[in-house]
Amino acid sequence: MATIDSRTNPTFDPIAPEEHERGRPQTGIGPGLLAGVVMAAILCFLAAMRQQPFVEPFWVISSFLLGQDAMQGGAGPTILGIVIHFVMSAVLGGVFTVIFGRTTMRRMLGFGLFYGVFLWAVAQFIILPLLNPFVATRMGTVWTFFLAHLAYGLMLAACSPTVKDIDAPERGYIDPLRREVRP
């Protein structure tokens, strides 16, 4: 049986990623954190638009551990909320990378939209009602929470490594943080 290699087939690249290559969790941490920044900015901006304290989303997040006392505000609930938010953003970014791997940017953006909507649905209709019903009523409207998760999914996908061009023999992916094409 003949083996295919770059000497007998110039279009074969032995280190090229497959059309849908599985990713490693650590690859999604950075994109997850960047997406978490965008999500937090949207939530904080929308809180301010509702004439609530700018850091209210972090108080709401910390109420998972501190209960409704977190809504009194202060540095403690704010810092705890920030830590919880960004740890979850990084973890969910890693999960995204493992599930969806590397593919073209168009597919990645579609996966990001799906992932954001999926996370919103699970949080809104399963996790919040079971663990902390107070949060479900405090995050403004359901659509505010939806918009923030949608932005998270899109930003996560936009920052995740993608395959440069599936049909090209010189397959690679674009690393958005370093702005370079890597094999």
N, C-alpha and C. Protein backbone atom coordinates (compact mmCIF):
# COMPACT_ATOMS: atom_id res chain seq x y z
N MET A 1 0.84 -1.17 0.00
CA MET A 1 0.00 0.00 0.00
C MET A 1 0.89 1.24 0.00
N ALA A 2 0.63 2.11 -0.91
CA ALA A 2 1.45 3.31 -1.05
C ALA A 2 1.04 4.35 -0.01
N THR A 3 2.03 5.02 0.51
CA THR A 3 1.75 6.11 1.45
C THR A 3 1.82 7.42 0.69
N ILE A 4 1.03 8.36 1.16
CA ILE A 4 1.02 9.68 0.52
C ILE A 4 1.88 10.60 1.36
N ASP A 5 2.81 11.25 0.71
CA ASP A 5 3.60 12.25 1.42
C ASP A 5 3.87 13.43 0.50
N SER A 6 4.56 14.41 1.00
CA SER A 6 4.76 15.64 0.25
C SER A 6 5.69 15.45 -0.95
N ARG A 7 6.50 14.38 -0.98
CA ARG A 7 7.37 14.16 -2.13
C ARG A 7 6.60 13.59 -3.30
N THR A 8 5.61 12.71 -3.04
CA THR A 8 4.85 12.11 -4.13
C THR A 8 3.60 12.91 -4.48
N ASN A 9 3.13 13.71 -3.56
CA ASN A 9 1.94 14.52 -3.80
C ASN A 9 2.19 15.92 -3.24
N PRO A 10 2.50 16.87 -4.10
CA PRO A 10 2.87 18.20 -3.61
C PRO A 10 1.72 18.94 -2.94
N THR A 11 0.48 18.49 -3.12
CA THR A 11 -0.64 19.18 -2.46
C THR A 11 -0.92 18.62 -1.07
N PHE A 12 -0.23 17.57 -0.67
CA PHE A 12 -0.44 16.98 0.64
C PHE A 12 0.46 17.66 1.66
N ASP A 13 -0.14 18.10 2.72
CA ASP A 13 0.60 18.73 3.82
C ASP A 13 0.39 17.89 5.07
N PRO A 14 1.41 17.17 5.53
CA PRO A 14 1.23 16.24 6.64
C PRO A 14 0.89 16.92 7.97
N ILE A 15 1.20 18.19 8.11
CA ILE A 15 0.90 18.85 9.39
C ILE A 15 -0.32 19.77 9.28
N ALA A 16 -1.00 19.74 8.14
CA ALA A 16 -2.17 20.60 7.96
C ALA A 16 -3.32 20.11 8.83
N PRO A 17 -4.08 21.03 9.41
CA PRO A 17 -5.24 20.60 10.18
C PRO A 17 -6.32 20.05 9.26
N GLU A 18 -7.10 19.14 9.78
CA GLU A 18 -8.22 18.61 9.02
C GLU A 18 -9.27 19.70 8.88
N GLU A 19 -10.32 19.40 8.13
CA GLU A 19 -11.38 20.38 7.90
C GLU A 19 -11.98 20.84 9.23
N HIS A 20 -12.09 19.92 10.17
CA HIS A 20 -12.63 20.27 11.48
C HIS A 20 -11.75 19.60 12.53
N GLU A 21 -10.70 20.26 12.91
CA GLU A 21 -9.75 19.71 13.86
C GLU A 21 -10.17 20.05 15.28
N ARG A 22 -10.10 19.09 16.16
CA ARG A 22 -10.43 19.32 17.56
C ARG A 22 -9.40 20.26 18.17
N GLY A 23 -9.88 21.15 18.99
CA GLY A 23 -9.00 22.10 19.64
C GLY A 23 -8.62 21.64 21.04
N ARG A 24 -7.67 22.33 21.61
CA ARG A 24 -7.27 22.07 22.99
C ARG A 24 -7.92 23.13 23.87
N PRO A 25 -8.29 22.78 25.10
CA PRO A 25 -8.99 23.75 25.96
C PRO A 25 -8.21 25.03 26.19
N GLN A 26 -6.89 24.93 26.34
CA GLN A 26 -6.10 26.13 26.63
C GLN A 26 -6.12 27.12 25.47
N THR A 27 -6.42 26.65 24.27
CA THR A 27 -6.51 27.53 23.12
C THR A 27 -7.71 28.48 23.24
N GLY A 28 -8.74 28.08 23.96
CA GLY A 28 -9.94 28.89 24.09
C GLY A 28 -9.95 29.83 25.27
N ILE A 29 -8.94 29.78 26.13
CA ILE A 29 -8.94 30.62 27.33
C ILE A 29 -8.84 32.10 26.97
N GLY A 30 -7.89 32.46 26.12
CA GLY A 30 -7.73 33.85 25.71
C GLY A 30 -8.96 34.40 25.00
N PRO A 31 -9.46 33.69 23.96
CA PRO A 31 -10.68 34.16 23.33
C PRO A 31 -11.87 34.23 24.30
N GLY A 32 -11.94 33.29 25.24
CA GLY A 32 -13.01 33.32 26.24
C GLY A 32 -12.93 34.55 27.12
N LEU A 33 -11.71 34.92 27.51
CA LEU A 33 -11.54 36.12 28.33
C LEU A 33 -11.88 37.39 27.55
N LEU A 34 -11.46 37.46 26.29
CA LEU A 34 -11.81 38.63 25.47
C LEU A 34 -13.32 38.72 25.26
N ALA A 35 -13.95 37.61 25.02
CA ALA A 35 -15.40 37.60 24.87
C ALA A 35 -16.08 37.98 26.18
N GLY A 36 -15.48 37.58 27.30
CA GLY A 36 -16.01 37.96 28.61
C GLY A 36 -15.94 39.46 28.85
N VAL A 37 -14.89 40.09 28.34
CA VAL A 37 -14.77 41.55 28.45
C VAL A 37 -15.91 42.22 27.68
N VAL A 38 -16.16 41.75 26.46
CA VAL A 38 -17.24 42.32 25.65
C VAL A 38 -18.59 42.11 26.34
N MET A 39 -18.81 40.91 26.83
CA MET A 39 -20.08 40.62 27.51
C MET A 39 -20.25 41.50 28.74
N ALA A 40 -19.21 41.62 29.54
CA ALA A 40 -19.28 42.46 30.75
C ALA A 40 -19.54 43.91 30.39
N ALA A 41 -18.88 44.39 29.35
CA ALA A 41 -19.08 45.79 28.93
C ALA A 41 -20.53 46.02 28.52
N ILE A 42 -21.11 45.08 27.79
CA ILE A 42 -22.50 45.22 27.38
C ILE A 42 -23.43 45.21 28.59
N LEU A 43 -23.22 44.27 29.50
CA LEU A 43 -24.07 44.19 30.68
C LEU A 43 -23.95 45.43 31.55
N CYS A 44 -22.73 45.93 31.73
CA CYS A 44 -22.53 47.13 32.54
C CYS A 44 -23.15 48.35 31.86
N PHE A 45 -22.97 48.47 30.56
CA PHE A 45 -23.56 49.59 29.83
C PHE A 45 -25.09 49.55 29.92
N LEU A 46 -25.68 48.38 29.74
CA LEU A 46 -27.13 48.27 29.81
C LEU A 46 -27.65 48.50 31.22
N ALA A 47 -26.87 48.14 32.23
CA ALA A 47 -27.26 48.45 33.61
C ALA A 47 -27.28 49.96 33.81
N ALA A 48 -26.27 50.64 33.31
CA ALA A 48 -26.23 52.10 33.42
C ALA A 48 -27.39 52.74 32.66
N MET A 49 -27.76 52.17 31.52
CA MET A 49 -28.89 52.69 30.75
C MET A 49 -30.21 52.52 31.51
N ARG A 50 -30.29 51.49 32.36
CA ARG A 50 -31.47 51.28 33.19
C ARG A 50 -31.40 52.09 34.48
N GLN A 51 -30.40 52.96 34.58
CA GLN A 51 -30.16 53.82 35.74
C GLN A 51 -29.86 53.00 37.00
N GLN A 52 -29.14 51.91 36.80
CA GLN A 52 -28.64 51.09 37.88
C GLN A 52 -27.14 51.34 38.00
N PRO A 53 -26.53 50.95 39.12
CA PRO A 53 -25.07 51.10 39.22
C PRO A 53 -24.36 50.34 38.09
N PHE A 54 -23.32 50.93 37.57
CA PHE A 54 -22.57 50.37 36.45
C PHE A 54 -22.07 48.96 36.74
N VAL A 55 -21.69 48.68 37.99
CA VAL A 55 -21.14 47.37 38.35
C VAL A 55 -22.21 46.40 38.84
N GLU A 56 -23.47 46.75 38.68
CA GLU A 56 -24.56 45.88 39.14
C GLU A 56 -24.47 44.46 38.60
N PRO A 57 -24.09 44.23 37.34
CA PRO A 57 -24.00 42.84 36.87
C PRO A 57 -23.05 41.99 37.71
N PHE A 58 -21.99 42.59 38.21
CA PHE A 58 -21.05 41.82 39.04
C PHE A 58 -21.64 41.53 40.42
N TRP A 59 -22.45 42.44 40.94
CA TRP A 59 -23.14 42.18 42.21
C TRP A 59 -24.13 41.04 42.04
N VAL A 60 -24.82 41.04 40.89
CA VAL A 60 -25.79 39.99 40.61
C VAL A 60 -25.08 38.63 40.50
N ILE A 61 -23.94 38.61 39.84
CA ILE A 61 -23.18 37.36 39.71
C ILE A 61 -22.71 36.88 41.08
N SER A 62 -22.22 37.80 41.90
CA SER A 62 -21.73 37.38 43.23
C SER A 62 -22.86 36.96 44.15
N SER A 63 -24.10 37.29 43.81
CA SER A 63 -25.22 36.86 44.65
C SER A 63 -25.41 35.35 44.63
N PHE A 64 -24.78 34.65 43.68
CA PHE A 64 -24.81 33.19 43.69
C PHE A 64 -24.18 32.66 44.97
N LEU A 65 -23.13 33.33 45.44
CA LEU A 65 -22.45 32.88 46.65
C LEU A 65 -22.85 33.67 47.89
N LEU A 66 -23.14 34.96 47.72
CA LEU A 66 -23.41 35.82 48.86
C LEU A 66 -24.89 36.04 49.13
N GLY A 67 -25.73 35.57 48.23
CA GLY A 67 -27.17 35.81 48.37
C GLY A 67 -27.51 37.25 48.04
N GLN A 68 -28.68 37.68 48.44
CA GLN A 68 -29.15 39.01 48.10
C GLN A 68 -28.36 40.12 48.80
N ASP A 69 -27.55 39.76 49.78
CA ASP A 69 -26.69 40.76 50.43
C ASP A 69 -25.68 41.36 49.45
N ALA A 70 -25.37 40.63 48.41
CA ALA A 70 -24.42 41.14 47.41
C ALA A 70 -24.94 42.40 46.75
N MET A 71 -26.24 42.58 46.70
CA MET A 71 -26.82 43.74 46.02
C MET A 71 -26.62 45.03 46.82
N GLN A 72 -26.09 44.93 48.03
CA GLN A 72 -25.76 46.13 48.81
C GLN A 72 -24.55 46.84 48.21
N GLY A 73 -23.82 46.12 47.39
CA GLY A 73 -22.68 46.71 46.70
C GLY A 73 -21.41 46.64 47.51
N GLY A 74 -20.44 47.40 47.08
CA GLY A 74 -19.15 47.41 47.74
C GLY A 74 -18.10 46.69 46.92
N ALA A 75 -16.87 46.79 47.40
CA ALA A 75 -15.74 46.20 46.67
C ALA A 75 -15.78 44.67 46.69
N GLY A 76 -16.17 44.08 47.80
CA GLY A 76 -16.18 42.63 47.92
C GLY A 76 -17.06 41.95 46.89
N PRO A 77 -18.36 42.29 46.85
CA PRO A 77 -19.21 41.65 45.84
C PRO A 77 -18.79 41.98 44.41
N THR A 78 -18.27 43.18 44.19
CA THR A 78 -17.84 43.55 42.84
C THR A 78 -16.67 42.69 42.40
N ILE A 79 -15.66 42.57 43.23
CA ILE A 79 -14.47 41.76 42.88
C ILE A 79 -14.84 40.30 42.73
N LEU A 80 -15.66 39.79 43.64
CA LEU A 80 -16.08 38.39 43.54
C LEU A 80 -16.85 38.15 42.24
N GLY A 81 -17.73 39.06 41.88
CA GLY A 81 -18.48 38.93 40.63
C GLY A 81 -17.58 38.97 39.41
N ILE A 82 -16.58 39.85 39.45
CA ILE A 82 -15.63 39.93 38.33
C ILE A 82 -14.85 38.62 38.19
N VAL A 83 -14.39 38.09 39.32
CA VAL A 83 -13.62 36.84 39.29
C VAL A 83 -14.48 35.69 38.76
N ILE A 84 -15.69 35.57 39.28
CA ILE A 84 -16.58 34.49 38.82
C ILE A 84 -16.86 34.63 37.32
N HIS A 85 -17.16 35.86 36.89
CA HIS A 85 -17.48 36.09 35.48
C HIS A 85 -16.33 35.69 34.56
N PHE A 86 -15.12 36.11 34.91
CA PHE A 86 -14.00 35.83 34.00
C PHE A 86 -13.50 34.40 34.10
N VAL A 87 -13.65 33.76 35.24
CA VAL A 87 -13.31 32.33 35.32
C VAL A 87 -14.28 31.54 34.44
N MET A 88 -15.57 31.86 34.53
CA MET A 88 -16.55 31.18 33.69
C MET A 88 -16.32 31.48 32.20
N SER A 89 -15.95 32.71 31.89
CA SER A 89 -15.68 33.06 30.49
C SER A 89 -14.52 32.24 29.94
N ALA A 90 -13.47 32.09 30.72
CA ALA A 90 -12.30 31.32 30.28
C ALA A 90 -12.64 29.84 30.15
N VAL A 91 -13.35 29.30 31.12
CA VAL A 91 -13.73 27.88 31.08
C VAL A 91 -14.63 27.60 29.87
N LEU A 92 -15.64 28.45 29.68
CA LEU A 92 -16.55 28.25 28.54
C LEU A 92 -15.85 28.47 27.21
N GLY A 93 -14.83 29.32 27.18
CA GLY A 93 -14.01 29.46 25.97
C GLY A 93 -13.25 28.18 25.67
N GLY A 94 -12.70 27.55 26.71
CA GLY A 94 -12.02 26.27 26.52
C GLY A 94 -12.95 25.18 26.05
N VAL A 95 -14.16 25.16 26.61
CA VAL A 95 -15.16 24.17 26.18
C VAL A 95 -15.53 24.39 24.71
N PHE A 96 -15.69 25.64 24.31
CA PHE A 96 -16.00 25.97 22.92
C PHE A 96 -14.93 25.43 21.99
N THR A 97 -13.67 25.63 22.35
CA THR A 97 -12.56 25.18 21.51
C THR A 97 -12.54 23.66 21.39
N VAL A 98 -12.81 22.97 22.48
CA VAL A 98 -12.82 21.51 22.44
C VAL A 98 -13.97 20.99 21.57
N ILE A 99 -15.14 21.60 21.72
CA ILE A 99 -16.31 21.13 20.97
C ILE A 99 -16.21 21.45 19.49
N PHE A 100 -15.87 22.69 19.16
CA PHE A 100 -15.94 23.14 17.77
C PHE A 100 -14.59 23.13 17.06
N GLY A 101 -13.50 23.04 17.78
CA GLY A 101 -12.19 22.93 17.17
C GLY A 101 -11.84 24.10 16.27
N ARG A 102 -11.12 23.80 15.19
CA ARG A 102 -10.74 24.83 14.22
C ARG A 102 -11.43 24.54 12.91
N THR A 103 -12.02 25.53 12.34
CA THR A 103 -12.67 25.40 11.04
C THR A 103 -12.60 26.77 10.38
N THR A 104 -13.33 26.97 9.30
CA THR A 104 -13.27 28.26 8.62
C THR A 104 -13.93 29.34 9.48
N MET A 105 -13.62 30.59 9.20
CA MET A 105 -14.17 31.70 9.97
C MET A 105 -15.69 31.74 9.86
N ARG A 106 -16.21 31.50 8.68
CA ARG A 106 -17.68 31.53 8.50
C ARG A 106 -18.35 30.49 9.38
N ARG A 107 -17.84 29.28 9.36
CA ARG A 107 -18.41 28.23 10.22
C ARG A 107 -18.21 28.57 11.69
N MET A 108 -17.03 29.11 12.02
CA MET A 108 -16.75 29.45 13.41
C MET A 108 -17.73 30.48 13.93
N LEU A 109 -18.05 31.49 13.11
CA LEU A 109 -19.02 32.50 13.54
C LEU A 109 -20.41 31.90 13.72
N GLY A 110 -20.77 30.98 12.87
CA GLY A 110 -22.04 30.28 13.05
C GLY A 110 -22.06 29.47 14.33
N PHE A 111 -20.95 28.77 14.60
CA PHE A 111 -20.84 28.02 15.85
C PHE A 111 -20.91 28.97 17.05
N GLY A 112 -20.28 30.14 16.92
CA GLY A 112 -20.30 31.11 18.02
C GLY A 112 -21.70 31.61 18.30
N LEU A 113 -22.46 31.91 17.24
CA LEU A 113 -23.86 32.31 17.43
C LEU A 113 -24.65 31.21 18.14
N PHE A 114 -24.50 30.00 17.65
CA PHE A 114 -25.19 28.86 18.27
C PHE A 114 -24.78 28.72 19.73
N TYR A 115 -23.50 28.80 20.01
CA TYR A 115 -22.98 28.62 21.37
C TYR A 115 -23.52 29.70 22.31
N GLY A 116 -23.53 30.94 21.85
CA GLY A 116 -24.06 32.03 22.67
C GLY A 116 -25.53 31.82 23.00
N VAL A 117 -26.33 31.44 22.01
CA VAL A 117 -27.75 31.20 22.23
C VAL A 117 -27.95 29.99 23.14
N PHE A 118 -27.15 28.95 22.94
CA PHE A 118 -27.24 27.76 23.78
C PHE A 118 -26.91 28.10 25.23
N LEU A 119 -25.82 28.85 25.46
CA LEU A 119 -25.46 29.22 26.82
C LEU A 119 -26.55 30.06 27.48
N TRP A 120 -27.12 30.98 26.72
CA TRP A 120 -28.20 31.81 27.25
C TRP A 120 -29.39 30.95 27.65
N ALA A 121 -29.80 30.03 26.77
CA ALA A 121 -30.97 29.20 27.06
C ALA A 121 -30.74 28.33 28.29
N VAL A 122 -29.57 27.72 28.39
CA VAL A 122 -29.27 26.88 29.54
C VAL A 122 -29.25 27.72 30.82
N ALA A 123 -28.60 28.88 30.76
CA ALA A 123 -28.54 29.74 31.95
C ALA A 123 -29.92 30.27 32.32
N GLN A 124 -30.66 30.77 31.35
CA GLN A 124 -31.94 31.43 31.61
C GLN A 124 -33.03 30.47 32.06
N PHE A 125 -33.07 29.29 31.47
CA PHE A 125 -34.20 28.41 31.72
C PHE A 125 -33.90 27.20 32.58
N ILE A 126 -32.62 26.93 32.86
CA ILE A 126 -32.29 25.77 33.69
C ILE A 126 -31.51 26.20 34.93
N ILE A 127 -30.34 26.82 34.73
CA ILE A 127 -29.46 27.12 35.85
C ILE A 127 -30.03 28.18 36.78
N LEU A 128 -30.43 29.31 36.24
CA LEU A 128 -30.92 30.39 37.10
C LEU A 128 -32.18 30.02 37.88
N PRO A 129 -33.19 29.45 37.26
CA PRO A 129 -34.37 29.09 38.06
C PRO A 129 -34.08 28.07 39.15
N LEU A 130 -33.13 27.18 38.90
CA LEU A 130 -32.82 26.15 39.91
C LEU A 130 -31.91 26.67 41.02
N LEU A 131 -30.85 27.39 40.64
CA LEU A 131 -29.84 27.79 41.62
C LEU A 131 -30.08 29.14 42.26
N ASN A 132 -30.57 30.09 41.49
CA ASN A 132 -30.72 31.44 42.02
C ASN A 132 -31.80 32.20 41.25
N PRO A 133 -33.07 31.97 41.59
CA PRO A 133 -34.15 32.64 40.87
C PRO A 133 -34.07 34.17 40.96
N PHE A 134 -33.43 34.67 42.00
CA PHE A 134 -33.26 36.12 42.16
C PHE A 134 -32.53 36.73 40.97
N VAL A 135 -31.51 36.02 40.47
CA VAL A 135 -30.72 36.53 39.36
C VAL A 135 -31.55 36.64 38.09
N ALA A 136 -32.42 35.66 37.86
CA ALA A 136 -33.24 35.67 36.65
C ALA A 136 -34.13 36.91 36.58
N THR A 137 -34.53 37.42 37.73
CA THR A 137 -35.39 38.61 37.75
C THR A 137 -34.59 39.89 37.83
N ARG A 138 -33.33 39.83 38.15
CA ARG A 138 -32.54 41.05 38.39
C ARG A 138 -31.73 41.50 37.18
N MET A 139 -31.49 40.67 36.21
CA MET A 139 -30.61 41.01 35.10
C MET A 139 -31.28 41.92 34.07
N GLY A 140 -32.26 42.69 34.49
CA GLY A 140 -32.93 43.57 33.54
C GLY A 140 -33.99 42.79 32.82
N THR A 141 -33.86 42.64 31.56
CA THR A 141 -34.82 41.85 30.80
C THR A 141 -34.14 40.59 30.30
N VAL A 142 -34.94 39.67 29.86
CA VAL A 142 -34.41 38.44 29.27
C VAL A 142 -33.58 38.78 28.04
N TRP A 143 -33.99 39.81 27.30
CA TRP A 143 -33.30 40.16 26.06
C TRP A 143 -31.95 40.80 26.31
N THR A 144 -31.78 41.48 27.43
CA THR A 144 -30.47 42.01 27.79
C THR A 144 -29.47 40.87 27.97
N PHE A 145 -29.91 39.88 28.71
CA PHE A 145 -29.09 38.69 28.97
C PHE A 145 -28.82 37.95 27.67
N PHE A 146 -29.83 37.86 26.81
CA PHE A 146 -29.69 37.21 25.51
C PHE A 146 -28.66 37.95 24.65
N LEU A 147 -28.78 39.26 24.56
CA LEU A 147 -27.86 40.07 23.76
C LEU A 147 -26.42 39.91 24.24
N ALA A 148 -26.22 39.90 25.55
CA ALA A 148 -24.87 39.74 26.10
C ALA A 148 -24.29 38.37 25.75
N HIS A 149 -25.09 37.32 25.82
CA HIS A 149 -24.61 35.99 25.47
C HIS A 149 -24.35 35.85 23.97
N LEU A 150 -25.17 36.49 23.17
CA LEU A 150 -24.95 36.49 21.73
C LEU A 150 -23.62 37.17 21.39
N ALA A 151 -23.36 38.30 22.03
CA ALA A 151 -22.10 39.00 21.81
C ALA A 151 -20.92 38.15 22.29
N TYR A 152 -21.10 37.46 23.42
CA TYR A 152 -20.05 36.57 23.92
C TYR A 152 -19.71 35.51 22.87
N GLY A 153 -20.73 34.84 22.33
CA GLY A 153 -20.50 33.79 21.35
C GLY A 153 -19.84 34.30 20.09
N LEU A 154 -20.27 35.45 19.60
CA LEU A 154 -19.66 36.01 18.39
C LEU A 154 -18.21 36.42 18.62
N MET A 155 -17.94 37.08 19.74
CA MET A 155 -16.57 37.51 20.03
C MET A 155 -15.67 36.30 20.26
N LEU A 156 -16.19 35.30 20.93
CA LEU A 156 -15.43 34.07 21.16
C LEU A 156 -15.05 33.43 19.83
N ALA A 157 -16.01 33.34 18.93
CA ALA A 157 -15.73 32.74 17.61
C ALA A 157 -14.77 33.60 16.80
N ALA A 158 -14.94 34.92 16.87
CA ALA A 158 -14.07 35.81 16.09
C ALA A 158 -12.63 35.76 16.57
N CYS A 159 -12.40 35.46 17.83
CA CYS A 159 -11.04 35.42 18.38
C CYS A 159 -10.44 34.02 18.39
N SER A 160 -11.23 33.00 18.09
CA SER A 160 -10.73 31.63 18.11
C SER A 160 -9.92 31.35 16.84
N PRO A 161 -8.88 30.52 16.95
CA PRO A 161 -8.09 30.17 15.77
C PRO A 161 -8.95 29.44 14.75
N THR A 162 -8.76 29.76 13.48
CA THR A 162 -9.54 29.13 12.41
C THR A 162 -8.61 28.57 11.35
N VAL A 163 -9.15 27.71 10.53
CA VAL A 163 -8.41 27.18 9.40
C VAL A 163 -8.38 28.25 8.34
N LYS A 164 -7.21 28.50 7.77
CA LYS A 164 -7.06 29.56 6.77
C LYS A 164 -7.91 29.30 5.54
N ASP A 165 -7.72 28.17 4.91
CA ASP A 165 -8.45 27.85 3.69
C ASP A 165 -8.44 26.34 3.54
N ILE A 166 -9.57 25.72 3.69
CA ILE A 166 -9.66 24.27 3.71
C ILE A 166 -9.18 23.64 2.40
N ASP A 167 -9.47 24.25 1.28
CA ASP A 167 -9.14 23.65 -0.01
C ASP A 167 -7.71 23.92 -0.45
N ALA A 168 -7.02 24.81 0.24
CA ALA A 168 -5.66 25.15 -0.17
C ALA A 168 -4.68 24.12 0.37
N PRO A 169 -3.67 23.78 -0.40
CA PRO A 169 -2.69 22.81 0.08
C PRO A 169 -1.86 23.36 1.23
N GLU A 170 -1.71 24.66 1.30
CA GLU A 170 -0.90 25.24 2.38
C GLU A 170 -1.80 25.64 3.56
N ARG A 171 -2.58 24.68 4.02
CA ARG A 171 -3.53 24.96 5.10
C ARG A 171 -2.82 25.49 6.33
N GLY A 172 -3.47 26.39 6.98
CA GLY A 172 -2.97 26.95 8.21
C GLY A 172 -4.12 27.59 8.93
N TYR A 173 -3.85 28.24 10.03
CA TYR A 173 -4.92 28.97 10.69
C TYR A 173 -4.42 30.34 11.07
N ILE A 174 -5.34 31.24 11.22
CA ILE A 174 -5.00 32.61 11.55
C ILE A 174 -5.11 32.78 13.05
N ASP A 175 -4.02 33.18 13.66
CA ASP A 175 -4.01 33.44 15.08
C ASP A 175 -4.37 34.91 15.27
N PRO A 176 -5.61 35.22 15.72
CA PRO A 176 -6.05 36.62 15.76
C PRO A 176 -5.29 37.46 16.78
N LEU A 177 -4.75 36.83 17.79
CA LEU A 177 -4.03 37.60 18.81
C LEU A 177 -2.64 38.01 18.32
N ARG A 178 -2.01 37.16 17.52
CA ARG A 178 -0.67 37.47 17.00
C ARG A 178 -0.72 38.01 15.58
N ARG A 179 -1.90 37.97 14.95
CA ARG A 179 -2.10 38.48 13.58
C ARG A 179 -1.13 37.83 12.60
N GLU A 180 -1.03 36.51 12.67
CA GLU A 180 -0.16 35.81 11.75
C GLU A 180 -0.80 34.49 11.36
N VAL A 181 -0.39 33.97 10.22
CA VAL A 181 -0.85 32.66 9.77
C VAL A 181 0.16 31.65 10.25
N ARG A 182 -0.33 30.63 10.92
CA ARG A 182 0.55 29.60 11.47
C ARG A 182 0.15 28.26 10.92
N PRO A 183 1.11 27.34 10.76
CA PRO A 183 0.76 25.99 10.25
C PRO A 183 -0.02 25.20 11.26
